[in-house]
N, C-alpha and C. Protein backbone atom coordinates (compact mmCIF):
# COMPACT_ATOMS: atom_id res chain seq x y z
N MET A 1 60.47 172.49 112.43
CA MET A 1 61.94 172.29 112.75
C MET A 1 62.73 172.26 111.33
N SER A 2 62.28 172.05 110.37
CA SER A 2 63.11 171.84 109.29
C SER A 2 63.40 173.21 108.82
N SER A 3 64.81 173.16 108.12
CA SER A 3 65.20 174.47 107.55
C SER A 3 66.42 174.05 106.79
N ASP A 4 66.81 174.94 106.00
CA ASP A 4 67.95 174.84 104.93
C ASP A 4 69.21 174.51 105.80
N LYS A 5 69.38 175.01 106.76
CA LYS A 5 70.65 174.80 107.51
C LYS A 5 70.56 173.58 108.53
N ALA A 6 71.58 172.86 108.35
CA ALA A 6 71.62 171.60 109.53
C ALA A 6 71.69 172.15 110.84
N ILE A 7 72.09 173.30 111.04
CA ILE A 7 72.28 173.73 112.38
C ILE A 7 71.08 174.42 113.17
N ALA A 8 69.91 173.89 112.56
CA ALA A 8 68.80 174.49 113.23
C ALA A 8 68.64 174.02 114.56
N LEU A 9 69.09 172.75 114.80
CA LEU A 9 69.23 171.98 116.22
C LEU A 9 70.37 172.50 116.81
N THR A 10 70.52 173.01 117.92
CA THR A 10 71.78 173.42 118.44
C THR A 10 72.74 172.44 119.10
N THR A 11 72.11 171.42 119.69
CA THR A 11 73.11 170.16 120.16
C THR A 11 72.72 168.95 119.84
N LYS A 12 73.67 168.10 119.87
CA LYS A 12 73.26 166.50 119.77
C LYS A 12 72.23 166.02 120.75
N GLU A 13 71.95 166.70 121.84
CA GLU A 13 70.76 166.28 122.62
C GLU A 13 69.59 166.66 122.04
N ASP A 14 69.43 167.83 121.21
CA ASP A 14 68.27 168.15 120.62
C ASP A 14 67.75 167.19 119.42
N LEU A 15 68.93 166.66 118.80
CA LEU A 15 68.81 165.83 117.76
C LEU A 15 68.33 164.40 118.31
N ARG A 16 68.92 163.97 119.58
CA ARG A 16 68.58 162.80 120.11
C ARG A 16 66.98 162.78 120.45
N LEU A 17 66.60 164.13 120.93
CA LEU A 17 65.18 164.15 121.45
C LEU A 17 64.39 164.12 120.13
N LEU A 18 64.69 164.70 119.04
CA LEU A 18 64.02 164.50 118.04
C LEU A 18 63.85 163.24 117.47
N TYR A 19 64.66 162.37 117.58
CA TYR A 19 64.61 161.00 117.17
C TYR A 19 63.42 160.36 117.76
N SER A 20 63.01 160.57 119.03
CA SER A 20 61.81 160.21 119.52
C SER A 20 60.51 160.78 119.36
N ARG A 21 60.57 161.98 118.97
CA ARG A 21 59.32 162.86 118.81
C ARG A 21 59.09 162.91 117.38
N ASP A 22 59.87 163.05 116.37
CA ASP A 22 59.50 163.11 115.00
C ASP A 22 60.81 162.42 114.23
N PHE A 23 60.68 161.28 113.95
CA PHE A 23 61.75 160.37 113.37
C PHE A 23 61.93 160.88 111.85
N TYR A 24 60.89 161.34 110.93
CA TYR A 24 61.11 161.80 109.75
C TYR A 24 62.19 162.88 109.72
N GLU A 25 61.65 163.85 110.67
CA GLU A 25 62.71 165.01 110.67
C GLU A 25 63.91 164.93 111.30
N TRP A 26 64.08 163.96 112.07
CA TRP A 26 65.34 163.49 112.59
C TRP A 26 66.11 162.80 111.37
N VAL A 27 65.69 162.14 110.45
CA VAL A 27 66.32 161.64 109.32
C VAL A 27 66.94 162.83 108.53
N ILE A 28 65.70 163.83 108.23
CA ILE A 28 66.38 164.95 107.29
C ILE A 28 67.45 165.76 108.03
N GLU A 29 67.36 165.95 109.33
CA GLU A 29 68.33 166.78 110.02
C GLU A 29 69.76 166.15 109.84
N ASN A 30 69.77 164.74 109.99
CA ASN A 30 70.92 163.80 110.15
C ASN A 30 71.56 164.07 108.65
N LEU A 31 70.83 163.68 107.67
CA LEU A 31 71.12 163.82 106.37
C LEU A 31 71.76 165.22 105.94
N LYS A 32 71.25 166.29 106.41
CA LYS A 32 71.92 167.58 106.18
C LYS A 32 73.18 167.82 106.93
N LEU A 33 73.13 167.15 107.98
CA LEU A 33 74.63 167.39 108.72
C LEU A 33 75.69 166.41 108.13
N ILE A 34 75.35 165.42 107.77
CA ILE A 34 76.20 164.54 106.94
C ILE A 34 76.62 165.20 105.60
N GLU A 35 75.50 165.71 104.89
CA GLU A 35 75.96 166.41 103.52
C GLU A 35 76.71 167.59 103.78
N ASN A 36 76.57 168.13 104.91
CA ASN A 36 77.31 169.44 105.29
C ASN A 36 78.75 169.00 106.02
N LYS A 37 79.04 167.87 106.17
CA LYS A 37 80.09 167.22 106.78
C LYS A 37 80.31 167.55 108.19
N GLU A 38 79.17 167.76 108.87
CA GLU A 38 79.11 168.36 110.23
C GLU A 38 79.02 167.15 111.11
N TYR A 39 79.88 166.23 111.04
CA TYR A 39 79.93 164.95 111.50
C TYR A 39 79.79 164.89 113.18
N GLU A 40 80.53 165.92 113.76
CA GLU A 40 80.52 165.85 115.11
C GLU A 40 78.99 166.07 115.83
N LEU A 41 78.00 166.71 115.10
CA LEU A 41 76.64 166.89 115.55
C LEU A 41 75.76 165.76 115.17
N VAL A 42 76.11 164.87 114.21
CA VAL A 42 75.23 163.70 113.84
C VAL A 42 75.03 162.80 115.09
N ASP A 43 73.71 162.18 115.14
CA ASP A 43 73.25 161.35 116.01
C ASP A 43 73.80 159.91 115.74
N TRP A 44 75.04 159.91 115.81
CA TRP A 44 75.42 158.23 115.50
C TRP A 44 74.98 157.29 116.21
N GLU A 45 74.61 157.60 117.51
CA GLU A 45 74.22 156.28 118.27
C GLU A 45 72.84 155.91 117.68
N ASN A 46 71.95 156.68 117.44
CA ASN A 46 70.65 156.34 116.93
C ASN A 46 70.72 155.65 115.41
N ILE A 47 71.63 156.42 114.71
CA ILE A 47 71.89 155.94 113.30
C ILE A 47 72.23 154.38 113.33
N LEU A 48 73.15 154.08 114.21
CA LEU A 48 73.48 152.80 114.17
C LEU A 48 72.52 151.86 114.61
N VAL A 49 71.52 152.34 115.57
CA VAL A 49 70.40 151.48 115.74
C VAL A 49 69.52 151.35 114.71
N GLU A 50 69.44 152.29 113.76
CA GLU A 50 68.58 152.24 112.74
C GLU A 50 69.21 151.31 111.57
N ILE A 51 70.55 151.45 111.44
CA ILE A 51 71.14 150.45 110.40
C ILE A 51 70.99 149.09 110.73
N GLN A 52 71.36 148.90 112.30
CA GLN A 52 71.11 147.42 112.61
C GLN A 52 69.60 146.94 112.54
N ASP A 53 68.69 147.79 112.65
CA ASP A 53 67.22 147.48 112.47
C ASP A 53 66.82 147.29 110.95
N MET A 54 67.64 147.97 110.04
CA MET A 54 67.17 147.79 108.65
C MET A 54 67.63 146.37 108.32
N GLY A 55 68.77 145.87 108.69
CA GLY A 55 69.29 144.54 108.44
C GLY A 55 68.15 143.50 108.97
N GLN A 56 67.85 143.67 110.26
CA GLN A 56 67.08 142.77 110.99
C GLN A 56 65.63 142.49 110.17
N ARG A 57 65.13 143.63 109.90
CA ARG A 57 63.86 143.83 109.27
C ARG A 57 63.80 142.67 107.93
N HIS A 58 64.92 142.76 107.07
CA HIS A 58 64.91 142.03 106.13
C HIS A 58 64.87 140.46 106.23
N LEU A 59 65.83 140.25 107.50
CA LEU A 59 65.87 138.83 107.86
C LEU A 59 64.59 138.46 108.67
N ASP A 60 63.95 139.13 109.43
CA ASP A 60 62.71 138.79 109.94
C ASP A 60 61.71 138.57 108.68
N ALA A 61 61.60 139.35 107.86
CA ALA A 61 60.85 139.19 106.68
C ALA A 61 61.03 137.74 105.95
N ALA A 62 62.10 137.53 105.60
CA ALA A 62 62.41 136.42 105.19
C ALA A 62 62.07 135.00 106.06
N ILE A 63 62.41 135.07 107.37
CA ILE A 63 62.05 133.85 108.33
C ILE A 63 60.43 134.04 108.35
N SER A 64 59.70 135.01 108.09
CA SER A 64 58.36 135.06 108.31
C SER A 64 57.89 134.27 107.01
N HIS A 65 58.35 134.65 105.78
CA HIS A 65 57.85 133.99 104.68
C HIS A 65 58.19 132.47 104.56
N MET A 66 59.46 132.10 105.20
CA MET A 66 59.84 130.70 105.30
C MET A 66 58.89 129.93 106.11
N GLY A 67 58.52 130.61 107.16
CA GLY A 67 57.40 129.92 108.08
C GLY A 67 56.00 129.92 107.52
N ILE A 68 55.67 130.78 106.76
CA ILE A 68 54.39 130.65 105.84
C ILE A 68 54.51 129.34 105.05
N ILE A 69 55.66 129.45 104.28
CA ILE A 69 55.87 128.20 103.25
C ILE A 69 55.77 126.93 104.10
N LEU A 70 56.37 126.90 105.11
CA LEU A 70 56.52 125.69 105.94
C LEU A 70 55.19 125.16 106.33
N GLU A 71 54.37 126.09 106.95
CA GLU A 71 52.95 125.89 107.26
C GLU A 71 52.25 125.27 106.25
N HIS A 72 52.38 125.77 104.93
CA HIS A 72 51.53 125.22 103.90
C HIS A 72 52.00 123.95 103.36
N ILE A 73 53.40 123.72 103.47
CA ILE A 73 53.90 122.49 102.95
C ILE A 73 53.41 121.18 103.96
N TYR A 74 53.29 121.59 105.15
CA TYR A 74 53.01 120.71 106.14
C TYR A 74 51.60 120.45 105.94
N LYS A 75 50.68 121.39 105.98
CA LYS A 75 49.15 121.07 105.65
C LYS A 75 49.14 120.39 104.39
N TRP A 76 49.71 120.82 103.42
CA TRP A 76 49.60 119.93 102.05
C TRP A 76 49.91 118.50 102.35
N GLU A 77 51.18 118.17 103.10
CA GLU A 77 51.47 116.67 103.13
C GLU A 77 50.54 116.04 104.01
N TYR A 78 49.98 116.58 104.98
CA TYR A 78 49.34 115.76 106.12
C TYR A 78 47.92 116.24 106.14
N PHE A 79 47.24 117.10 105.57
CA PHE A 79 45.97 117.41 106.05
C PHE A 79 45.06 117.69 104.65
N LYS A 80 45.84 117.47 103.52
CA LYS A 80 45.01 117.83 102.21
C LYS A 80 44.20 116.57 102.17
N GLU A 81 42.62 116.91 102.04
CA GLU A 81 41.80 115.89 102.04
C GLU A 81 41.20 115.49 100.64
N ASP A 82 41.21 116.49 99.85
CA ASP A 82 40.79 116.49 98.48
C ASP A 82 41.30 117.25 97.32
N GLU A 83 40.99 117.19 96.24
CA GLU A 83 41.44 117.98 94.98
C GLU A 83 41.39 119.55 95.33
N ASN A 84 40.05 119.83 95.77
CA ASN A 84 39.83 121.36 95.93
C ASN A 84 40.39 121.87 97.25
N MET A 85 40.77 121.10 98.05
CA MET A 85 41.48 121.60 99.21
C MET A 85 42.96 121.94 98.88
N GLY A 86 43.40 123.16 99.53
CA GLY A 86 44.85 123.63 99.40
C GLY A 86 45.18 124.71 98.24
N ASN A 87 44.05 125.16 97.54
CA ASN A 87 44.37 126.10 96.38
C ASN A 87 44.87 127.36 97.17
N GLY A 88 44.23 127.82 98.22
CA GLY A 88 44.74 128.99 99.06
C GLY A 88 46.18 128.71 99.65
N TRP A 89 46.54 127.60 99.91
CA TRP A 89 47.87 127.24 100.52
C TRP A 89 48.61 127.44 99.52
N ILE A 90 48.54 126.96 98.30
CA ILE A 90 49.42 127.14 97.01
C ILE A 90 49.73 128.64 96.69
N LYS A 91 48.59 129.54 96.74
CA LYS A 91 48.84 130.91 96.47
C LYS A 91 49.49 131.56 97.53
N SER A 92 49.30 131.17 98.58
CA SER A 92 50.03 131.93 99.81
C SER A 92 51.55 131.30 99.65
N MET A 93 51.72 130.17 99.53
CA MET A 93 53.15 129.51 99.32
C MET A 93 53.85 130.17 98.19
N LEU A 94 53.36 130.35 97.19
CA LEU A 94 53.84 131.05 95.84
C LEU A 94 54.26 132.76 96.22
N ASN A 95 53.11 133.31 96.69
CA ASN A 95 53.50 134.55 97.12
C ASN A 95 54.70 134.78 98.29
N SER A 96 54.67 133.99 99.20
CA SER A 96 55.88 133.78 100.07
C SER A 96 57.13 133.77 99.33
N ARG A 97 57.04 132.74 98.38
CA ARG A 97 58.33 132.25 97.72
C ARG A 97 58.75 133.56 96.86
N ASN A 98 57.81 134.24 96.25
CA ASN A 98 58.05 135.46 95.51
C ASN A 98 58.72 136.67 96.33
N GLU A 99 58.16 136.52 97.54
CA GLU A 99 58.75 137.77 98.35
C GLU A 99 60.19 137.28 98.92
N ILE A 100 60.44 136.13 99.20
CA ILE A 100 61.83 135.71 99.49
C ILE A 100 62.69 135.85 98.16
N SER A 101 62.29 135.60 97.19
CA SER A 101 63.20 135.51 96.09
C SER A 101 63.57 136.84 95.81
N TYR A 102 62.49 137.87 96.03
CA TYR A 102 62.74 139.36 95.73
C TYR A 102 63.76 139.77 96.71
N LEU A 103 63.61 139.35 98.25
CA LEU A 103 64.53 139.87 99.07
C LEU A 103 66.08 139.24 98.82
N PHE A 104 66.10 137.93 98.36
CA PHE A 104 67.43 137.34 98.03
C PHE A 104 68.05 138.18 96.60
N GLN A 105 67.04 138.60 95.87
CA GLN A 105 67.78 139.36 94.67
C GLN A 105 68.28 140.67 95.10
N ARG A 106 67.61 141.32 96.09
CA ARG A 106 67.92 142.80 96.53
C ARG A 106 69.35 142.53 97.55
N GLN A 107 69.06 141.32 98.32
CA GLN A 107 70.12 141.41 99.48
C GLN A 107 70.80 139.87 99.31
N PRO A 108 71.56 139.64 98.29
CA PRO A 108 72.38 138.28 98.21
C PRO A 108 72.70 137.65 99.34
N SER A 109 73.42 138.32 100.22
CA SER A 109 74.06 137.69 101.40
C SER A 109 73.04 137.16 102.32
N LEU A 110 71.75 137.55 102.34
CA LEU A 110 70.67 137.24 103.07
C LEU A 110 70.35 135.76 103.09
N LYS A 111 70.47 135.22 101.81
CA LYS A 111 70.25 134.00 101.64
C LYS A 111 70.99 132.80 102.31
N ASN A 112 72.09 133.24 102.57
CA ASN A 112 73.08 132.34 103.38
C ASN A 112 72.63 132.53 104.92
N LYS A 113 72.41 133.68 105.17
CA LYS A 113 72.15 134.00 106.56
C LYS A 113 70.81 133.55 107.07
N VAL A 114 69.84 133.54 106.26
CA VAL A 114 68.50 132.89 106.66
C VAL A 114 68.48 131.29 106.77
N GLN A 115 69.31 130.87 106.12
CA GLN A 115 69.32 129.26 106.35
C GLN A 115 69.64 128.82 107.63
N LEU A 116 70.35 129.66 108.46
CA LEU A 116 70.54 129.56 109.93
C LEU A 116 69.38 129.44 110.79
N TYR A 117 68.12 130.12 110.25
CA TYR A 117 67.13 130.32 110.99
C TYR A 117 65.96 129.46 110.56
N ILE A 118 66.19 128.44 109.92
CA ILE A 118 65.00 127.49 109.54
C ILE A 118 64.08 127.00 110.99
N GLU A 119 64.87 126.69 112.10
CA GLU A 119 64.15 126.41 113.25
C GLU A 119 63.34 127.57 113.76
N ASP A 120 63.79 128.83 113.62
CA ASP A 120 63.05 129.83 113.87
C ASP A 120 61.52 129.87 112.95
N ALA A 121 61.84 129.66 111.87
CA ALA A 121 60.78 129.72 110.97
C ALA A 121 59.85 128.51 110.98
N TRP A 122 60.38 127.47 111.47
CA TRP A 122 59.49 126.29 111.88
C TRP A 122 58.52 126.57 112.99
N GLU A 123 59.22 127.13 114.00
CA GLU A 123 58.32 127.75 115.26
C GLU A 123 57.29 128.52 114.93
N TYR A 124 57.64 129.62 113.98
CA TYR A 124 56.38 130.15 113.30
C TYR A 124 55.43 129.51 112.62
N ALA A 125 55.75 128.60 111.94
CA ALA A 125 54.90 127.64 111.16
C ALA A 125 53.96 127.00 112.19
N ILE A 126 54.48 126.51 113.14
CA ILE A 126 53.69 125.66 114.28
C ILE A 126 52.67 126.73 114.80
N THR A 127 53.14 128.10 115.26
CA THR A 127 52.23 128.81 115.74
C THR A 127 50.99 129.11 114.73
N ARG A 128 51.31 129.27 113.52
CA ARG A 128 50.37 129.31 112.50
C ARG A 128 49.47 128.23 112.32
N LEU A 129 50.03 126.87 112.42
CA LEU A 129 49.22 125.82 112.27
C LEU A 129 48.35 125.60 113.27
N ILE A 130 48.91 125.83 114.54
CA ILE A 130 47.92 125.77 115.78
C ILE A 130 46.60 126.67 115.59
N ASN A 131 46.97 127.95 115.09
CA ASN A 131 45.94 128.90 114.80
C ASN A 131 44.88 128.43 113.59
N PHE A 132 45.58 127.87 112.79
CA PHE A 132 44.64 127.29 111.65
C PHE A 132 43.67 126.27 112.27
N PHE A 133 44.09 125.51 113.27
CA PHE A 133 43.28 124.44 113.68
C PHE A 133 42.31 125.08 114.63
N LYS A 134 42.40 126.14 115.24
CA LYS A 134 41.53 126.77 116.24
C LYS A 134 40.46 127.43 115.50
N ASP A 135 40.75 127.71 114.28
CA ASP A 135 39.46 128.38 113.45
C ASP A 135 38.46 127.38 113.38
N PRO A 136 37.26 128.01 113.75
CA PRO A 136 35.98 126.99 113.75
C PRO A 136 35.98 126.35 112.45
N GLU A 137 36.21 127.07 111.40
CA GLU A 137 36.00 126.23 110.05
C GLU A 137 36.91 124.87 110.00
N ASN A 138 37.96 124.76 110.69
CA ASN A 138 38.85 123.74 110.67
C ASN A 138 38.78 122.89 112.02
N SER A 139 37.79 123.10 112.71
CA SER A 139 37.63 122.14 113.86
C SER A 139 37.36 120.60 113.50
N ARG A 140 36.72 120.37 112.44
CA ARG A 140 36.75 119.01 112.00
C ARG A 140 37.95 118.39 111.62
N LEU A 141 38.85 119.02 111.05
CA LEU A 141 40.18 118.51 110.76
C LEU A 141 40.75 118.44 111.97
N ALA A 142 40.64 119.33 112.89
CA ALA A 142 41.38 119.18 114.18
C ALA A 142 41.11 117.90 115.00
N GLN A 143 39.68 117.57 114.94
CA GLN A 143 39.15 116.39 115.63
C GLN A 143 39.64 115.19 114.85
N LYS A 144 39.55 115.28 113.66
CA LYS A 144 39.93 114.17 112.75
C LYS A 144 41.45 113.76 113.01
N TYR A 145 42.46 114.69 112.79
CA TYR A 145 43.73 114.39 112.83
C TYR A 145 44.26 114.45 114.36
N PHE A 146 43.72 115.10 115.33
CA PHE A 146 44.32 115.28 116.70
C PHE A 146 43.36 114.96 117.77
N GLY A 147 42.18 114.71 117.08
CA GLY A 147 41.12 114.59 118.52
C GLY A 147 41.03 115.79 119.46
N LYS A 148 41.52 116.77 119.07
CA LYS A 148 41.49 117.98 119.98
C LYS A 148 42.03 119.23 119.03
N ILE A 149 42.20 120.30 119.61
CA ILE A 149 42.91 121.48 119.16
C ILE A 149 44.26 121.23 119.34
N PRO A 150 45.19 121.15 118.40
CA PRO A 150 46.72 120.67 118.74
C PRO A 150 47.40 121.67 119.27
N ASN A 151 48.61 121.42 119.78
CA ASN A 151 49.63 122.33 120.53
C ASN A 151 50.70 122.05 119.99
N ARG A 152 51.75 122.74 120.61
CA ARG A 152 53.17 122.41 119.99
C ARG A 152 53.77 121.10 119.93
N ASN A 153 53.43 120.36 121.13
CA ASN A 153 53.89 119.09 121.06
C ASN A 153 53.23 117.97 120.09
N ASP A 154 52.29 118.39 119.29
CA ASP A 154 51.76 117.67 118.40
C ASP A 154 52.22 117.78 117.00
N PHE A 155 53.45 118.38 116.97
CA PHE A 155 54.02 118.86 115.73
C PHE A 155 55.70 118.48 115.81
N PRO A 156 56.39 118.03 114.88
CA PRO A 156 57.77 117.74 114.93
C PRO A 156 58.26 118.93 115.72
N GLN A 157 59.32 118.61 116.66
CA GLN A 157 60.00 119.57 117.47
C GLN A 157 61.08 120.36 116.54
N LYS A 158 61.57 119.53 115.60
CA LYS A 158 62.50 120.16 114.47
C LYS A 158 62.00 120.25 113.36
N CYS A 159 62.31 120.92 112.50
CA CYS A 159 61.73 121.40 111.25
C CYS A 159 62.02 120.09 110.32
N PRO A 160 60.78 119.60 109.82
CA PRO A 160 61.14 118.14 109.00
C PRO A 160 61.61 118.59 107.37
N TYR A 161 61.70 119.91 107.22
CA TYR A 161 62.13 120.09 105.84
C TYR A 161 63.40 120.83 105.71
N THR A 162 64.17 120.83 104.48
CA THR A 162 65.43 121.46 104.27
C THR A 162 65.11 122.74 103.61
N PHE A 163 66.09 123.71 103.56
CA PHE A 163 65.97 125.10 103.07
C PHE A 163 65.48 124.86 101.53
N GLU A 164 66.25 123.84 100.78
CA GLU A 164 65.72 123.67 99.39
C GLU A 164 64.44 123.17 99.19
N GLN A 165 63.75 122.42 100.04
CA GLN A 165 62.40 122.18 100.06
C GLN A 165 61.57 123.37 100.15
N ILE A 166 61.83 124.21 100.95
CA ILE A 166 61.11 125.39 101.42
C ILE A 166 60.97 126.18 100.03
N LEU A 167 62.34 126.25 99.29
CA LEU A 167 62.43 127.18 98.06
C LEU A 167 61.71 126.47 96.76
N ASN A 168 61.78 125.17 96.87
CA ASN A 168 61.27 124.43 95.70
C ASN A 168 60.05 123.45 95.77
N PHE A 169 59.59 123.19 97.01
CA PHE A 169 58.45 122.33 97.02
C PHE A 169 57.09 122.76 96.21
N GLU A 170 56.81 121.83 95.01
CA GLU A 170 55.75 122.05 94.38
C GLU A 170 55.02 120.82 93.85
N PRO A 171 54.46 119.99 94.81
CA PRO A 171 53.71 118.64 94.45
C PRO A 171 52.47 119.02 93.48
N PHE A 172 52.03 120.23 93.65
CA PHE A 172 50.67 120.60 92.92
C PHE A 172 51.16 120.86 91.42
N LEU A 173 52.11 120.44 91.01
CA LEU A 173 52.47 120.76 89.46
C LEU A 173 52.40 119.46 88.85
């Protein structure tokens, strides 16, 4: 379908169909149309969808990384039993912190926005904590601390940590 001329597709409907069949080609064709200032042929509807999705992906990534950090902070504070336990948690926490830092560097306004989603990140952390205790390797910990595999009601309903703690918690130093 690709050609040097943006008019290879004859109608807007052709372009809309291309969106669901060959996304990469859809991008190329829309770029050509915009470069050639053929705005009336551009698939603006799906371009708007993609722009919204780009922003949401960055926000979702930051929330996900916050959830991972929250999971490990909580495990560190409540379930660390000896000096050797938790090294993997630290690595995971630092990796997620690096990812968040990079996102904030590239998208500074994201830092303010993501703070509104701490409770979403905490919900994700709880899901990860429950799955952690479902792992047969951790069944002893589940029995010791909960007497069972925990569920959502076994964890605080509201996030027990602040945004600053998520970004700066380092008891291991």
